[in-house]
Amino acid sequence: MESKHKNILIGTLLAVVFVMAVGYAAFAQQLTINGSAEITSTWDVKYDSTKTEATPGVVDAVAGFAGGTTPKGTVSYDNDDHNANVRATLYQPGDTVTFTLTIKNYGTIPATVGTPTVEMTGDQDVQPLVARKGNIQFTVTPAATTTMNQNDTVTMTVKAEFINSATSVGTATSASITVNMNASQAQ
Protein backbone atom coordinates (compact mmCIF):
# COMPACT_ATOMS: atom_id res chain seq x y z
CA MET A 1 0.00 0.00 0.00
CA GLU A 2 2.81 2.21 0.73
CA SER A 3 3.95 2.23 -2.89
CA LYS A 4 0.38 3.04 -3.99
CA HIS A 5 0.46 6.19 -1.82
CA LYS A 6 3.90 7.07 -3.15
CA ASN A 7 2.63 6.80 -6.72
CA ILE A 8 -0.40 8.98 -5.94
CA LEU A 9 1.82 11.54 -4.19
CA ILE A 10 4.29 11.58 -7.09
CA GLY A 11 1.44 11.89 -9.61
CA THR A 12 -0.12 14.75 -7.63
CA LEU A 13 3.21 16.57 -7.41
CA LEU A 14 3.76 16.12 -11.15
CA ALA A 15 0.26 17.51 -11.82
CA VAL A 16 0.93 20.53 -9.58
CA VAL A 17 4.27 21.20 -11.34
CA PHE A 18 2.53 20.88 -14.73
CA VAL A 19 -0.23 23.34 -13.71
CA MET A 20 2.38 25.78 -12.37
CA ALA A 21 4.40 25.53 -15.61
CA VAL A 22 1.32 26.20 -17.75
CA GLY A 23 0.28 29.09 -15.47
CA TYR A 24 3.74 30.64 -15.61
CA ALA A 25 3.81 30.30 -19.40
CA ALA A 26 0.42 32.01 -19.64
CA PHE A 27 1.53 35.01 -17.53
CA ALA A 28 5.03 35.27 -19.01
CA GLN A 29 3.86 36.00 -22.57
CA GLN A 30 5.45 39.05 -24.20
CA LEU A 31 3.05 41.93 -24.70
CA THR A 32 3.42 43.73 -28.01
CA ILE A 33 1.68 47.06 -28.65
CA ASN A 34 1.61 48.32 -32.19
CA GLY A 35 0.84 52.00 -32.80
CA SER A 36 2.35 55.44 -32.71
CA ALA A 37 1.93 58.75 -30.92
CA GLU A 38 2.59 62.25 -32.16
CA ILE A 39 2.99 65.46 -30.18
CA THR A 40 1.53 68.35 -32.10
CA SER A 41 1.86 71.19 -29.57
CA THR A 42 4.44 73.94 -30.05
CA TRP A 43 6.18 76.47 -27.78
CA ASP A 44 6.68 79.85 -29.43
CA VAL A 45 6.35 82.94 -27.21
CA LYS A 46 8.26 86.05 -28.28
CA TYR A 47 8.06 89.77 -28.96
CA ASP A 48 5.78 90.73 -31.85
CA SER A 49 8.23 92.90 -33.79
CA THR A 50 5.42 94.26 -35.99
CA LYS A 51 3.64 95.99 -33.08
CA THR A 52 6.31 98.19 -31.45
CA GLU A 53 5.38 101.78 -30.60
CA ALA A 54 7.63 104.63 -29.50
CA THR A 55 5.73 107.69 -28.23
CA PRO A 56 7.83 110.79 -27.54
CA GLY A 57 6.88 113.21 -24.79
CA VAL A 58 8.19 116.73 -25.29
CA VAL A 59 8.34 119.35 -22.57
CA ASP A 60 8.52 123.07 -23.17
CA ALA A 61 12.00 124.38 -23.83
CA VAL A 62 13.92 125.25 -20.71
CA ALA A 63 16.33 128.19 -20.91
CA GLY A 64 19.81 126.96 -21.75
CA PHE A 65 18.66 123.58 -23.07
CA ALA A 66 18.24 122.30 -26.63
CA GLY A 67 14.51 123.03 -26.73
CA GLY A 68 12.26 122.22 -29.66
CA THR A 69 13.98 118.96 -30.64
CA THR A 70 11.68 115.97 -30.42
CA PRO A 71 13.04 113.02 -28.48
CA LYS A 72 13.21 109.78 -30.41
CA GLY A 73 13.58 106.09 -29.84
CA THR A 74 14.08 102.85 -31.70
CA VAL A 75 13.58 99.18 -30.91
CA SER A 76 15.31 96.26 -32.56
CA TYR A 77 14.99 92.59 -31.76
CA ASP A 78 17.45 89.70 -31.60
CA ASN A 79 17.72 86.14 -30.28
CA ASP A 80 14.69 85.07 -32.36
CA ASP A 81 12.68 88.05 -31.05
CA HIS A 82 13.23 87.12 -27.37
CA ASN A 83 15.27 90.27 -26.62
CA ALA A 84 14.21 93.86 -27.30
CA ASN A 85 17.02 96.40 -27.71
CA VAL A 86 15.58 99.80 -26.77
CA ARG A 87 17.45 103.03 -27.65
CA ALA A 88 16.39 106.55 -26.69
CA THR A 89 17.79 109.90 -27.73
CA LEU A 90 16.68 112.74 -25.48
CA TYR A 91 17.60 116.43 -25.48
CA GLN A 92 16.54 118.18 -22.29
CA PRO A 93 15.35 117.41 -18.77
CA GLY A 94 11.78 116.17 -18.80
CA ASP A 95 11.97 114.63 -22.29
CA THR A 96 10.58 111.09 -22.48
CA VAL A 97 10.01 108.30 -24.93
CA THR A 98 7.60 105.53 -23.94
CA PHE A 99 7.97 102.25 -25.78
CA THR A 100 5.12 99.72 -25.91
CA LEU A 101 6.43 96.19 -26.50
CA THR A 102 3.95 93.47 -27.47
CA ILE A 103 4.53 89.82 -26.55
CA LYS A 104 2.60 87.18 -28.50
CA ASN A 105 2.03 83.45 -28.01
CA TYR A 106 2.52 82.06 -31.52
CA GLY A 107 2.55 78.48 -30.17
CA THR A 108 -0.19 76.15 -28.99
CA ILE A 109 1.02 75.66 -25.39
CA PRO A 110 -0.53 78.15 -22.91
CA ALA A 111 2.11 80.49 -21.45
CA THR A 112 2.60 82.99 -18.65
CA VAL A 113 4.87 86.01 -19.10
CA GLY A 114 6.98 86.81 -16.06
CA THR A 115 9.14 89.74 -15.04
CA PRO A 116 11.75 90.53 -17.70
CA THR A 117 15.42 91.09 -17.03
CA VAL A 118 17.12 94.35 -18.00
CA GLU A 119 20.70 94.71 -19.24
CA MET A 120 22.70 97.82 -20.04
CA THR A 121 26.30 98.11 -21.24
CA GLY A 122 28.84 100.71 -20.23
CA ASP A 123 28.78 103.11 -17.24
CA GLN A 124 25.46 102.30 -15.65
CA ASP A 125 23.24 101.76 -12.66
CA VAL A 126 20.95 98.76 -13.20
CA GLN A 127 18.38 97.59 -10.68
CA PRO A 128 15.48 95.25 -11.36
CA LEU A 129 13.33 97.01 -13.97
CA VAL A 130 15.20 100.35 -13.69
CA ALA A 131 18.43 101.25 -15.48
CA ARG A 132 20.22 104.59 -15.62
CA LYS A 133 23.07 105.80 -17.74
CA GLY A 134 24.11 109.40 -17.37
CA ASN A 135 20.99 111.58 -17.49
CA ILE A 136 18.75 108.91 -19.02
CA GLN A 137 16.74 106.56 -16.85
CA PHE A 138 14.77 103.60 -18.21
CA THR A 139 11.84 102.18 -16.24
CA VAL A 140 10.27 98.88 -17.34
CA THR A 141 6.66 98.10 -16.44
CA PRO A 142 6.15 94.35 -16.99
CA ALA A 143 3.12 92.80 -18.65
CA ALA A 144 0.27 91.76 -16.39
CA THR A 145 0.61 88.14 -15.32
CA THR A 146 -2.05 86.23 -17.20
CA THR A 147 -2.37 82.98 -19.09
CA MET A 148 -1.78 83.49 -22.80
CA ASN A 149 -3.35 80.98 -25.16
CA GLN A 150 -2.45 80.69 -28.83
CA ASN A 151 -2.37 84.11 -30.57
CA ASP A 152 -3.00 86.03 -27.31
CA THR A 153 -0.88 89.13 -26.68
CA VAL A 154 0.19 91.19 -23.67
CA THR A 155 2.12 94.46 -23.56
CA MET A 156 4.83 95.93 -21.40
CA THR A 157 6.16 99.47 -21.43
CA VAL A 158 9.64 100.90 -21.25
CA LYS A 159 9.87 104.59 -20.40
CA ALA A 160 13.08 106.47 -21.11
CA GLU A 161 13.31 109.86 -19.46
CA PHE A 162 15.84 112.63 -19.23
CA ILE A 163 15.85 113.03 -15.47
CA ASN A 164 14.77 116.43 -14.19
CA SER A 165 17.74 116.78 -11.84
CA ALA A 166 20.14 117.15 -14.77
CA THR A 167 21.69 120.62 -14.88
CA SER A 168 23.38 120.54 -18.26
CA VAL A 169 23.06 118.76 -21.56
CA GLY A 170 24.96 118.45 -24.81
CA THR A 171 23.37 118.34 -28.23
CA ALA A 172 21.81 114.92 -27.60
CA THR A 173 22.00 112.24 -24.96
CA SER A 174 21.45 108.61 -25.94
CA ALA A 175 21.34 105.33 -24.06
CA SER A 176 20.24 101.77 -24.72
CA ILE A 177 18.98 98.81 -22.75
CA THR A 178 18.10 95.22 -23.59
CA VAL A 179 14.86 93.83 -22.19
CA ASN A 180 15.00 90.02 -22.08
CA MET A 181 11.56 88.44 -22.18
CA ASN A 182 10.71 85.80 -19.57
CA ALA A 183 7.95 83.30 -20.36
CA SER A 184 7.05 79.89 -19.00
CA GLN A 185 4.43 77.23 -19.53
CA ALA A 186 1.17 78.16 -17.80
CA GLN A 187 0.38 76.05 -14.76
C-alpha atoms as a PDB file:
ATOM      1  CA  MET A   1       0.000   0.000   0.000  1.00  0.00           C
ATOM      2  CA  GLU A   2       2.812   2.207   0.725  1.00  0.00           C
ATOM      3  CA  SER A   3       3.951   2.232  -2.889  1.00  0.00           C
ATOM      4  CA  LYS A   4       0.379   3.043  -3.991  1.00  0.00           C
ATOM      5  CA  HIS A   5       0.465   6.186  -1.820  1.00  0.00           C
ATOM      6  CA  LYS A   6       3.895   7.072  -3.147  1.00  0.00           C
ATOM      7  CA  ASN A   7       2.626   6.800  -6.722  1.00  0.00           C
ATOM      8  CA  ILE A   8      -0.405   8.981  -5.939  1.00  0.00           C
ATOM      9  CA  LEU A   9       1.822  11.536  -4.194  1.00  0.00           C
ATOM     10  CA  ILE A  10       4.294  11.582  -7.088  1.00  0.00           C
ATOM     11  CA  GLY A  11       1.437  11.891  -9.609  1.00  0.00           C
ATOM     12  CA  THR A  12      -0.118  14.754  -7.628  1.00  0.00           C
ATOM     13  CA  LEU A  13       3.209  16.571  -7.407  1.00  0.00           C
ATOM     14  CA  LEU A  14       3.760  16.125 -11.151  1.00  0.00           C
ATOM     15  CA  ALA A  15       0.261  17.505 -11.816  1.00  0.00           C
ATOM     16  CA  VAL A  16       0.931  20.527  -9.583  1.00  0.00           C
ATOM     17  CA  VAL A  17       4.267  21.199 -11.344  1.00  0.00           C
ATOM     18  CA  PHE A  18       2.533  20.879 -14.726  1.00  0.00           C
ATOM     19  CA  VAL A  19      -0.232  23.341 -13.712  1.00  0.00           C
ATOM     20  CA  MET A  20       2.383  25.781 -12.373  1.00  0.00           C
ATOM     21  CA  ALA A  21       4.400  25.532 -15.612  1.00  0.00           C
ATOM     22  CA  VAL A  22       1.315  26.201 -17.748  1.00  0.00           C
ATOM     23  CA  GLY A  23       0.277  29.092 -15.466  1.00  0.00           C
ATOM     24  CA  TYR A  24       3.744  30.637 -15.611  1.00  0.00           C
ATOM     25  CA  ALA A  25       3.812  30.303 -19.396  1.00  0.00           C
ATOM     26  CA  ALA A  26       0.416  32.015 -19.641  1.00  0.00           C
ATOM     27  CA  PHE A  27       1.530  35.012 -17.534  1.00  0.00           C
ATOM     28  CA  ALA A  28       5.029  35.266 -19.012  1.00  0.00           C
ATOM     29  CA  GLN A  29       3.857  35.996 -22.568  1.00  0.00           C
ATOM     30  CA  GLN A  30       5.450  39.046 -24.197  1.00  0.00           C
ATOM     31  CA  LEU A  31       3.049  41.930 -24.697  1.00  0.00           C
ATOM     32  CA  THR A  32       3.419  43.731 -28.009  1.00  0.00           C
ATOM     33  CA  ILE A  33       1.679  47.055 -28.654  1.00  0.00           C
ATOM     34  CA  ASN A  34       1.614  48.322 -32.190  1.00  0.00           C
ATOM     35  CA  GLY A  35       0.835  52.001 -32.799  1.00  0.00           C
ATOM     36  CA  SER A  36       2.348  55.438 -32.713  1.00  0.00           C
ATOM     37  CA  ALA A  37       1.934  58.748 -30.916  1.00  0.00           C
ATOM     38  CA  GLU A  38       2.586  62.254 -32.158  1.00  0.00           C
ATOM     39  CA  ILE A  39       2.989  65.458 -30.175  1.00  0.00           C
ATOM     40  CA  THR A  40       1.533  68.353 -32.101  1.00  0.00           C
ATOM     41  CA  SER A  41       1.861  71.187 -29.573  1.00  0.00           C
ATOM     42  CA  THR A  42       4.441  73.938 -30.054  1.00  0.00           C
ATOM     43  CA  TRP A  43       6.182  76.470 -27.777  1.00  0.00           C
ATOM     44  CA  ASP A  44       6.683  79.853 -29.428  1.00  0.00           C
ATOM     45  CA  VAL A  45       6.353  82.938 -27.205  1.00  0.00           C
ATOM     46  CA  LYS A  46       8.256  86.054 -28.284  1.00  0.00           C
ATOM     47  CA  TYR A  47       8.059  89.772 -28.957  1.00  0.00           C
ATOM     48  CA  ASP A  48       5.780  90.733 -31.846  1.00  0.00           C
ATOM     49  CA  SER A  49       8.230  92.897 -33.785  1.00  0.00           C
ATOM     50  CA  THR A  50       5.425  94.262 -35.995  1.00  0.00           C
ATOM     51  CA  LYS A  51       3.644  95.994 -33.080  1.00  0.00           C
ATOM     52  CA  THR A  52       6.308  98.191 -31.451  1.00  0.00           C
ATOM     53  CA  GLU A  53       5.376 101.776 -30.599  1.00  0.00           C
ATOM     54  CA  ALA A  54       7.635 104.631 -29.497  1.00  0.00           C
ATOM     55  CA  THR A  55       5.735 107.687 -28.231  1.00  0.00           C
ATOM     56  CA  PRO A  56       7.827 110.793 -27.544  1.00  0.00           C
ATOM     57  CA  GLY A  57       6.878 113.209 -24.790  1.00  0.00           C
ATOM     58  CA  VAL A  58       8.193 116.729 -25.295  1.00  0.00           C
ATOM     59  CA  VAL A  59       8.336 119.349 -22.568  1.00  0.00           C
ATOM     60  CA  ASP A  60       8.517 123.067 -23.170  1.00  0.00           C
ATOM     61  CA  ALA A  61      11.999 124.376 -23.830  1.00  0.00           C
ATOM     62  CA  VAL A  62      13.917 125.253 -20.707  1.00  0.00           C
ATOM     63  CA  ALA A  63      16.332 128.193 -20.906  1.00  0.00           C
ATOM     64  CA  GLY A  64      19.808 126.961 -21.745  1.00  0.00           C
ATOM     65  CA  PHE A  65      18.662 123.581 -23.066  1.00  0.00           C
ATOM     66  CA  ALA A  66      18.240 122.301 -26.627  1.00  0.00           C
ATOM     67  CA  GLY A  67      14.507 123.031 -26.732  1.00  0.00           C
ATOM     68  CA  GLY A  68      12.261 122.217 -29.659  1.00  0.00           C
ATOM     69  CA  THR A  69      13.977 118.959 -30.639  1.00  0.00           C
ATOM     70  CA  THR A  70      11.678 115.970 -30.419  1.00  0.00           C
ATOM     71  CA  PRO A  71      13.039 113.016 -28.480  1.00  0.00           C
ATOM     72  CA  LYS A  72      13.214 109.775 -30.414  1.00  0.00           C
ATOM     73  CA  GLY A  73      13.582 106.091 -29.844  1.00  0.00           C
ATOM     74  CA  THR A  74      14.081 102.850 -31.700  1.00  0.00           C
ATOM     75  CA  VAL A  75      13.578  99.184 -30.909  1.00  0.00           C
ATOM     76  CA  SER A  76      15.311  96.260 -32.563  1.00  0.00           C
ATOM     77  CA  TYR A  77      14.986  92.586 -31.760  1.00  0.00           C
ATOM     78  CA  ASP A  78      17.446  89.697 -31.599  1.00  0.00           C
ATOM     79  CA  ASN A  79      17.717  86.141 -30.283  1.00  0.00           C
ATOM     80  CA  ASP A  80      14.690  85.070 -32.365  1.00  0.00           C
ATOM     81  CA  ASP A  81      12.680  88.052 -31.049  1.00  0.00           C
ATOM     82  CA  HIS A  82      13.226  87.122 -27.369  1.00  0.00           C
ATOM     83  CA  ASN A  83      15.270  90.274 -26.624  1.00  0.00           C
ATOM     84  CA  ALA A  84      14.215  93.861 -27.297  1.00  0.00           C
ATOM     85  CA  ASN A  85      17.015  96.403 -27.708  1.00  0.00           C
ATOM     86  CA  VAL A  86      15.582  99.804 -26.772  1.00  0.00           C
ATOM     87  CA  ARG A  87      17.452 103.028 -27.646  1.00  0.00           C
ATOM     88  CA  ALA A  88      16.388 106.547 -26.689  1.00  0.00           C
ATOM     89  CA  THR A  89      17.794 109.904 -27.730  1.00  0.00           C
ATOM     90  CA  LEU A  90      16.682 112.741 -25.475  1.00  0.00           C
ATOM     91  CA  TYR A  91      17.600 116.426 -25.484  1.00  0.00           C
ATOM     92  CA  GLN A  92      16.543 118.181 -22.293  1.00  0.00           C
ATOM     93  CA  PRO A  93      15.347 117.412 -18.768  1.00  0.00           C
ATOM     94  CA  GLY A  94      11.778 116.174 -18.804  1.00  0.00           C
ATOM     95  CA  ASP A  95      11.973 114.633 -22.294  1.00  0.00           C
ATOM     96  CA  THR A  96      10.577 111.094 -22.475  1.00  0.00           C
ATOM     97  CA  VAL A  97      10.010 108.300 -24.929  1.00  0.00           C
ATOM     98  CA  THR A  98       7.600 105.530 -23.936  1.00  0.00           C
ATOM     99  CA  PHE A  99       7.966 102.251 -25.782  1.00  0.00           C
ATOM    100  CA  THR A 100       5.124  99.718 -25.907  1.00  0.00           C
ATOM    101  CA  LEU A 101       6.431  96.195 -26.499  1.00  0.00           C
ATOM    102  CA  THR A 102       3.951  93.472 -27.470  1.00  0.00           C
ATOM    103  CA  ILE A 103       4.533  89.818 -26.554  1.00  0.00           C
ATOM    104  CA  LYS A 104       2.597  87.179 -28.495  1.00  0.00           C
ATOM    105  CA  ASN A 105       2.034  83.450 -28.011  1.00  0.00           C
ATOM    106  CA  TYR A 106       2.523  82.056 -31.519  1.00  0.00           C
ATOM    107  CA  GLY A 107       2.550  78.484 -30.168  1.00  0.00           C
ATOM    108  CA  THR A 108      -0.190  76.150 -28.992  1.00  0.00           C
ATOM    109  CA  ILE A 109       1.017  75.661 -25.391  1.00  0.00           C
ATOM    110  CA  PRO A 110      -0.530  78.147 -22.913  1.00  0.00           C
ATOM    111  CA  ALA A 111       2.111  80.492 -21.451  1.00  0.00           C
ATOM    112  CA  THR A 112       2.603  82.992 -18.655  1.00  0.00           C
ATOM    113  CA  VAL A 113       4.871  86.015 -19.105  1.00  0.00           C
ATOM    114  CA  GLY A 114       6.979  86.808 -16.062  1.00  0.00           C
ATOM    115  CA  THR A 115       9.144  89.735 -15.036  1.00  0.00           C
ATOM    116  CA  PRO A 116      11.753  90.525 -17.700  1.00  0.00           C
ATOM    117  CA  THR A 117      15.424  91.094 -17.031  1.00  0.00           C
ATOM    118  CA  VAL A 118      17.120  94.349 -18.003  1.00  0.00           C
ATOM    119  CA  GLU A 119      20.700  94.712 -19.241  1.00  0.00           C
ATOM    120  CA  MET A 120      22.703  97.818 -20.041  1.00  0.00           C
ATOM    121  CA  THR A 121      26.304  98.112 -21.238  1.00  0.00           C
ATOM    122  CA  GLY A 122      28.844 100.715 -20.226  1.00  0.00           C
ATOM    123  CA  ASP A 123      28.784 103.110 -17.244  1.00  0.00           C
ATOM    124  CA  GLN A 124      25.464 102.296 -15.655  1.00  0.00           C
ATOM    125  CA  ASP A 125      23.244 101.759 -12.657  1.00  0.00           C
ATOM    126  CA  VAL A 126      20.952  98.760 -13.199  1.00  0.00           C
ATOM    127  CA  GLN A 127      18.378  97.586 -10.685  1.00  0.00           C
ATOM    128  CA  PRO A 128      15.482  95.248 -11.365  1.00  0.00           C
ATOM    129  CA  LEU A 129      13.327  97.011 -13.974  1.00  0.00           C
ATOM    130  CA  VAL A 130      15.197 100.350 -13.687  1.00  0.00           C
ATOM    131  CA  ALA A 131      18.427 101.250 -15.476  1.00  0.00           C
ATOM    132  CA  ARG A 132      20.219 104.585 -15.620  1.00  0.00           C
ATOM    133  CA  LYS A 133      23.068 105.799 -17.743  1.00  0.00           C
ATOM    134  CA  GLY A 134      24.114 109.403 -17.367  1.00  0.00           C
ATOM    135  CA  ASN A 135      20.994 111.579 -17.489  1.00  0.00           C
ATOM    136  CA  ILE A 136      18.747 108.913 -19.020  1.00  0.00           C
ATOM    137  CA  GLN A 137      16.736 106.558 -16.854  1.00  0.00           C
ATOM    138  CA  PHE A 138      14.769 103.597 -18.213  1.00  0.00           C
ATOM    139  CA  THR A 139      11.844 102.178 -16.236  1.00  0.00           C
ATOM    140  CA  VAL A 140      10.266  98.879 -17.336  1.00  0.00           C
ATOM    141  CA  THR A 141       6.660  98.098 -16.439  1.00  0.00           C
ATOM    142  CA  PRO A 142       6.154  94.353 -16.989  1.00  0.00           C
ATOM    143  CA  ALA A 143       3.124  92.803 -18.648  1.00  0.00           C
ATOM    144  CA  ALA A 144       0.269  91.759 -16.390  1.00  0.00           C
ATOM    145  CA  THR A 145       0.609  88.135 -15.317  1.00  0.00           C
ATOM    146  CA  THR A 146      -2.051  86.231 -17.200  1.00  0.00           C
ATOM    147  CA  THR A 147      -2.373  82.982 -19.089  1.00  0.00           C
ATOM    148  CA  MET A 148      -1.784  83.488 -22.799  1.00  0.00           C
ATOM    149  CA  ASN A 149      -3.352  80.982 -25.164  1.00  0.00           C
ATOM    150  CA  GLN A 150      -2.446  80.688 -28.832  1.00  0.00           C
ATOM    151  CA  ASN A 151      -2.371  84.108 -30.573  1.00  0.00           C
ATOM    152  CA  ASP A 152      -3.002  86.033 -27.314  1.00  0.00           C
ATOM    153  CA  THR A 153      -0.885  89.134 -26.675  1.00  0.00           C
ATOM    154  CA  VAL A 154       0.192  91.189 -23.668  1.00  0.00           C
ATOM    155  CA  THR A 155       2.115  94.455 -23.562  1.00  0.00           C
ATOM    156  CA  MET A 156       4.827  95.934 -21.401  1.00  0.00           C
ATOM    157  CA  THR A 157       6.158  99.470 -21.425  1.00  0.00           C
ATOM    158  CA  VAL A 158       9.644 100.901 -21.245  1.00  0.00           C
ATOM    159  CA  LYS A 159       9.868 104.589 -20.402  1.00  0.00           C
ATOM    160  CA  ALA A 160      13.075 106.465 -21.112  1.00  0.00           C
ATOM    161  CA  GLU A 161      13.312 109.861 -19.460  1.00  0.00           C
ATOM    162  CA  PHE A 162      15.844 112.630 -19.225  1.00  0.00           C
ATOM    163  CA  ILE A 163      15.846 113.032 -15.471  1.00  0.00           C
ATOM    164  CA  ASN A 164      14.772 116.430 -14.189  1.00  0.00           C
ATOM    165  CA  SER A 165      17.739 116.777 -11.842  1.00  0.00           C
ATOM    166  CA  ALA A 166      20.144 117.152 -14.772  1.00  0.00           C
ATOM    167  CA  THR A 167      21.686 120.624 -14.878  1.00  0.00           C
ATOM    168  CA  SER A 168      23.382 120.540 -18.262  1.00  0.00           C
ATOM    169  CA  VAL A 169      23.061 118.757 -21.560  1.00  0.00           C
ATOM    170  CA  GLY A 170      24.957 118.446 -24.808  1.00  0.00           C
ATOM    171  CA  THR A 171      23.372 118.336 -28.232  1.00  0.00           C
ATOM    172  CA  ALA A 172      21.805 114.922 -27.604  1.00  0.00           C
ATOM    173  CA  THR A 173      22.002 112.240 -24.956  1.00  0.00           C
ATOM    174  CA  SER A 174      21.451 108.611 -25.940  1.00  0.00           C
ATOM    175  CA  ALA A 175      21.339 105.333 -24.060  1.00  0.00           C
ATOM    176  CA  SER A 176      20.243 101.774 -24.724  1.00  0.00           C
ATOM    177  CA  ILE A 177      18.977  98.812 -22.748  1.00  0.00           C
ATOM    178  CA  THR A 178      18.095  95.223 -23.590  1.00  0.00           C
ATOM    179  CA  VAL A 179      14.858  93.828 -22.191  1.00  0.00           C
ATOM    180  CA  ASN A 180      15.001  90.023 -22.077  1.00  0.00           C
ATOM    181  CA  MET A 181      11.561  88.444 -22.176  1.00  0.00           C
ATOM    182  CA  ASN A 182      10.706  85.800 -19.573  1.00  0.00           C
ATOM    183  CA  ALA A 183       7.947  83.302 -20.360  1.00  0.00           C
ATOM    184  CA  SER A 184       7.045  79.892 -19.000  1.00  0.00           C
ATOM    185  CA  GLN A 185       4.427  77.232 -19.531  1.00  0.00           C
ATOM    186  CA  ALA A 186       1.171  78.164 -17.799  1.00  0.00           C
ATOM    187  CA  GLN A 187       0.375  76.049 -14.759  1.00  0.00           C
END
